N, C-alpha and C. Protein backbone atom coordinates (compact mmCIF):
# COMPACT_ATOMS: atom_id res chain seq x y z
N UNK A 1 115.94 62.55 143.50
CA UNK A 1 115.41 61.38 144.18
C UNK A 1 114.14 61.80 144.92
N UNK A 2 113.09 61.03 144.74
CA UNK A 2 111.83 61.35 145.40
C UNK A 2 111.92 61.06 146.90
N UNK A 3 110.98 61.59 147.63
CA UNK A 3 110.95 61.37 149.08
C UNK A 3 110.75 59.89 149.39
N UNK A 4 109.89 59.23 148.63
CA UNK A 4 109.70 57.78 148.82
C UNK A 4 111.00 57.02 148.62
N UNK A 5 111.76 57.41 147.61
CA UNK A 5 113.05 56.75 147.35
C UNK A 5 114.04 57.01 148.48
N UNK A 6 114.03 58.23 149.00
CA UNK A 6 114.93 58.56 150.11
C UNK A 6 114.59 57.72 151.35
N UNK A 7 113.31 57.61 151.64
CA UNK A 7 112.87 56.83 152.81
C UNK A 7 113.25 55.37 152.62
N UNK A 8 112.99 54.84 151.44
CA UNK A 8 113.34 53.44 151.15
C UNK A 8 114.83 53.20 151.29
N UNK A 9 115.62 54.13 150.78
CA UNK A 9 117.09 54.02 150.85
C UNK A 9 117.55 53.98 152.31
N UNK A 10 116.98 54.84 153.13
CA UNK A 10 117.36 54.86 154.55
C UNK A 10 116.97 53.55 155.23
N UNK A 11 115.78 53.06 154.95
CA UNK A 11 115.33 51.82 155.58
C UNK A 11 116.16 50.62 155.14
N UNK A 12 116.57 50.61 153.88
CA UNK A 12 117.37 49.50 153.36
C UNK A 12 118.80 49.52 153.90
N UNK A 13 119.30 50.71 154.18
CA UNK A 13 120.70 50.84 154.57
C UNK A 13 120.82 51.76 155.79
N UNK A 14 120.03 51.49 156.81
CA UNK A 14 119.95 52.38 157.97
C UNK A 14 121.31 52.60 158.64
N UNK A 15 122.08 51.55 158.79
CA UNK A 15 123.35 51.65 159.51
C UNK A 15 124.34 52.60 158.84
N UNK A 16 124.23 52.76 157.53
CA UNK A 16 125.15 53.63 156.81
C UNK A 16 124.58 55.02 156.54
N UNK A 17 123.34 55.25 156.91
CA UNK A 17 122.73 56.57 156.74
C UNK A 17 123.17 57.46 157.91
N UNK A 18 123.44 58.72 157.61
CA UNK A 18 123.83 59.64 158.68
C UNK A 18 122.58 60.12 159.42
N UNK A 19 122.77 60.52 160.66
CA UNK A 19 121.64 61.02 161.44
C UNK A 19 121.08 62.29 160.79
N UNK A 20 121.95 63.08 160.17
CA UNK A 20 121.51 64.31 159.50
C UNK A 20 120.58 63.96 158.34
N UNK A 21 120.94 62.95 157.58
CA UNK A 21 120.12 62.50 156.46
C UNK A 21 118.76 61.99 156.95
N UNK A 22 118.78 61.21 158.02
CA UNK A 22 117.54 60.66 158.58
C UNK A 22 116.64 61.78 159.10
N UNK A 23 117.23 62.72 159.83
CA UNK A 23 116.46 63.84 160.38
C UNK A 23 115.87 64.69 159.25
N UNK A 24 116.65 64.90 158.20
CA UNK A 24 116.17 65.69 157.06
C UNK A 24 114.92 65.04 156.46
N UNK A 25 114.95 63.74 156.28
CA UNK A 25 113.80 63.02 155.72
C UNK A 25 112.62 63.06 156.70
N UNK A 26 112.89 62.89 157.98
CA UNK A 26 111.81 62.95 158.98
C UNK A 26 111.14 64.33 158.97
N UNK A 27 111.93 65.38 158.80
CA UNK A 27 111.37 66.73 158.73
C UNK A 27 110.45 66.87 157.51
N UNK A 28 110.83 66.23 156.42
CA UNK A 28 110.03 66.32 155.20
C UNK A 28 108.72 65.54 155.30
N UNK A 29 108.73 64.43 156.03
CA UNK A 29 107.50 63.63 156.12
C UNK A 29 106.60 64.09 157.26
N UNK A 30 107.15 64.81 158.22
CA UNK A 30 106.38 65.23 159.40
C UNK A 30 105.06 65.93 159.05
N UNK A 31 105.04 66.88 158.12
CA UNK A 31 103.77 67.56 157.82
C UNK A 31 102.72 66.66 157.15
N UNK A 32 103.14 65.50 156.67
CA UNK A 32 102.23 64.62 155.94
C UNK A 32 101.35 63.77 156.86
N UNK A 33 101.70 63.71 158.14
CA UNK A 33 100.88 62.94 159.06
C UNK A 33 99.57 63.67 159.31
N UNK A 34 98.48 62.94 159.34
CA UNK A 34 97.14 63.53 159.44
C UNK A 34 96.86 64.09 160.84
N UNK A 35 97.48 63.52 161.84
CA UNK A 35 97.25 63.95 163.22
C UNK A 35 98.27 65.01 163.61
N UNK A 36 97.77 66.16 164.10
CA UNK A 36 98.67 67.20 164.59
C UNK A 36 99.49 66.70 165.77
N UNK A 37 98.87 65.87 166.60
CA UNK A 37 99.57 65.32 167.76
C UNK A 37 100.78 64.50 167.32
N UNK A 38 100.60 63.69 166.28
CA UNK A 38 101.71 62.88 165.76
C UNK A 38 102.80 63.78 165.21
N UNK A 39 102.43 64.79 164.45
CA UNK A 39 103.41 65.72 163.87
C UNK A 39 104.17 66.45 164.96
N UNK A 40 103.46 66.90 165.99
CA UNK A 40 104.11 67.61 167.10
C UNK A 40 105.05 66.68 167.87
N UNK A 41 104.62 65.45 168.09
CA UNK A 41 105.45 64.47 168.79
C UNK A 41 106.73 64.23 168.00
N UNK A 42 106.58 64.02 166.70
CA UNK A 42 107.74 63.77 165.84
C UNK A 42 108.66 64.99 165.82
N UNK A 43 108.08 66.18 165.80
CA UNK A 43 108.88 67.40 165.82
C UNK A 43 109.71 67.48 167.10
N UNK A 44 109.12 67.11 168.23
CA UNK A 44 109.85 67.10 169.50
C UNK A 44 110.98 66.09 169.49
N UNK A 45 110.73 64.92 168.91
CA UNK A 45 111.77 63.88 168.82
C UNK A 45 112.91 64.34 167.90
N UNK A 46 112.57 65.00 166.80
CA UNK A 46 113.59 65.52 165.89
C UNK A 46 114.46 66.54 166.62
N UNK A 47 113.82 67.45 167.37
CA UNK A 47 114.58 68.46 168.10
C UNK A 47 115.50 67.82 169.14
N UNK A 48 115.02 66.78 169.79
CA UNK A 48 115.83 66.07 170.78
C UNK A 48 117.07 65.47 170.12
N UNK A 49 116.90 64.92 168.93
CA UNK A 49 118.04 64.35 168.19
C UNK A 49 119.03 65.45 167.84
N UNK A 50 118.53 66.59 167.38
CA UNK A 50 119.40 67.69 166.99
C UNK A 50 120.18 68.26 168.17
N UNK A 51 119.62 68.15 169.37
CA UNK A 51 120.26 68.69 170.57
C UNK A 51 121.40 67.81 171.08
N UNK A 52 121.47 66.57 170.62
CA UNK A 52 122.50 65.63 171.07
C UNK A 52 123.76 65.83 170.24
N UNK A 53 124.92 65.77 170.89
CA UNK A 53 126.19 65.94 170.18
C UNK A 53 126.78 64.62 169.69
N UNK A 54 126.54 63.55 170.40
CA UNK A 54 127.13 62.26 170.09
C UNK A 54 126.40 61.57 168.94
N UNK A 55 127.12 61.27 167.87
CA UNK A 55 126.51 60.66 166.68
C UNK A 55 125.88 59.30 166.98
N UNK A 56 126.52 58.50 167.81
CA UNK A 56 125.95 57.17 168.10
C UNK A 56 124.63 57.30 168.87
N UNK A 57 124.53 58.29 169.74
CA UNK A 57 123.27 58.53 170.46
C UNK A 57 122.20 59.05 169.50
N UNK A 58 122.61 59.89 168.56
CA UNK A 58 121.66 60.38 167.55
C UNK A 58 121.10 59.22 166.74
N UNK A 59 121.97 58.30 166.33
CA UNK A 59 121.53 57.15 165.54
C UNK A 59 120.58 56.27 166.36
N UNK A 60 120.88 56.12 167.64
CA UNK A 60 120.02 55.32 168.52
C UNK A 60 118.62 55.93 168.59
N UNK A 61 118.56 57.24 168.72
CA UNK A 61 117.27 57.92 168.77
C UNK A 61 116.56 57.88 167.42
N UNK A 62 117.33 57.97 166.33
CA UNK A 62 116.75 57.87 164.99
C UNK A 62 116.14 56.48 164.77
N UNK A 63 116.83 55.47 165.28
CA UNK A 63 116.36 54.09 165.09
C UNK A 63 114.98 53.90 165.71
N UNK A 64 114.73 54.60 166.81
CA UNK A 64 113.43 54.50 167.47
C UNK A 64 112.31 55.11 166.62
N UNK A 65 112.67 55.91 165.61
CA UNK A 65 111.68 56.56 164.77
C UNK A 65 111.46 55.85 163.43
N UNK A 66 112.06 54.69 163.27
CA UNK A 66 111.88 53.91 162.03
C UNK A 66 110.40 53.65 161.72
N UNK A 67 109.55 53.39 162.72
CA UNK A 67 108.13 53.17 162.38
C UNK A 67 107.50 54.33 161.60
N UNK A 68 107.95 55.56 161.86
CA UNK A 68 107.41 56.71 161.13
C UNK A 68 107.79 56.64 159.66
N UNK A 69 108.99 56.17 159.38
CA UNK A 69 109.41 56.00 157.98
C UNK A 69 108.57 54.92 157.31
N UNK A 70 108.34 53.83 158.03
CA UNK A 70 107.50 52.75 157.49
C UNK A 70 106.07 53.23 157.25
N UNK A 71 105.52 53.98 158.20
CA UNK A 71 104.16 54.49 158.04
C UNK A 71 104.06 55.39 156.81
N UNK A 72 105.09 56.20 156.60
CA UNK A 72 105.07 57.09 155.43
C UNK A 72 104.99 56.27 154.15
N UNK A 73 105.81 55.23 154.07
CA UNK A 73 105.81 54.40 152.86
C UNK A 73 104.48 53.67 152.67
N UNK A 74 103.80 53.38 153.77
CA UNK A 74 102.51 52.69 153.69
C UNK A 74 101.36 53.64 153.39
N UNK A 75 101.68 54.91 153.25
CA UNK A 75 100.65 55.88 152.91
C UNK A 75 100.03 56.57 154.11
N UNK A 76 100.71 56.49 155.23
CA UNK A 76 100.28 57.10 156.49
C UNK A 76 98.87 56.71 156.70
């Protein structure tokens, strides 16, 4: 499955995607952003998600990063 397909799948079925799956895709798209500041910000957000133990809190934080998935699909 291509990265575009993975991102689309997560966006279409966000509630059933695991936080691990979402973080994995975010890690893959992070280097594709043209701005280092954006990549570094996203990296910090990913680390914050990984540091949380509660799955519902992880999903809440992942949901806040949906715009990054949309930007990736739009060609950044």
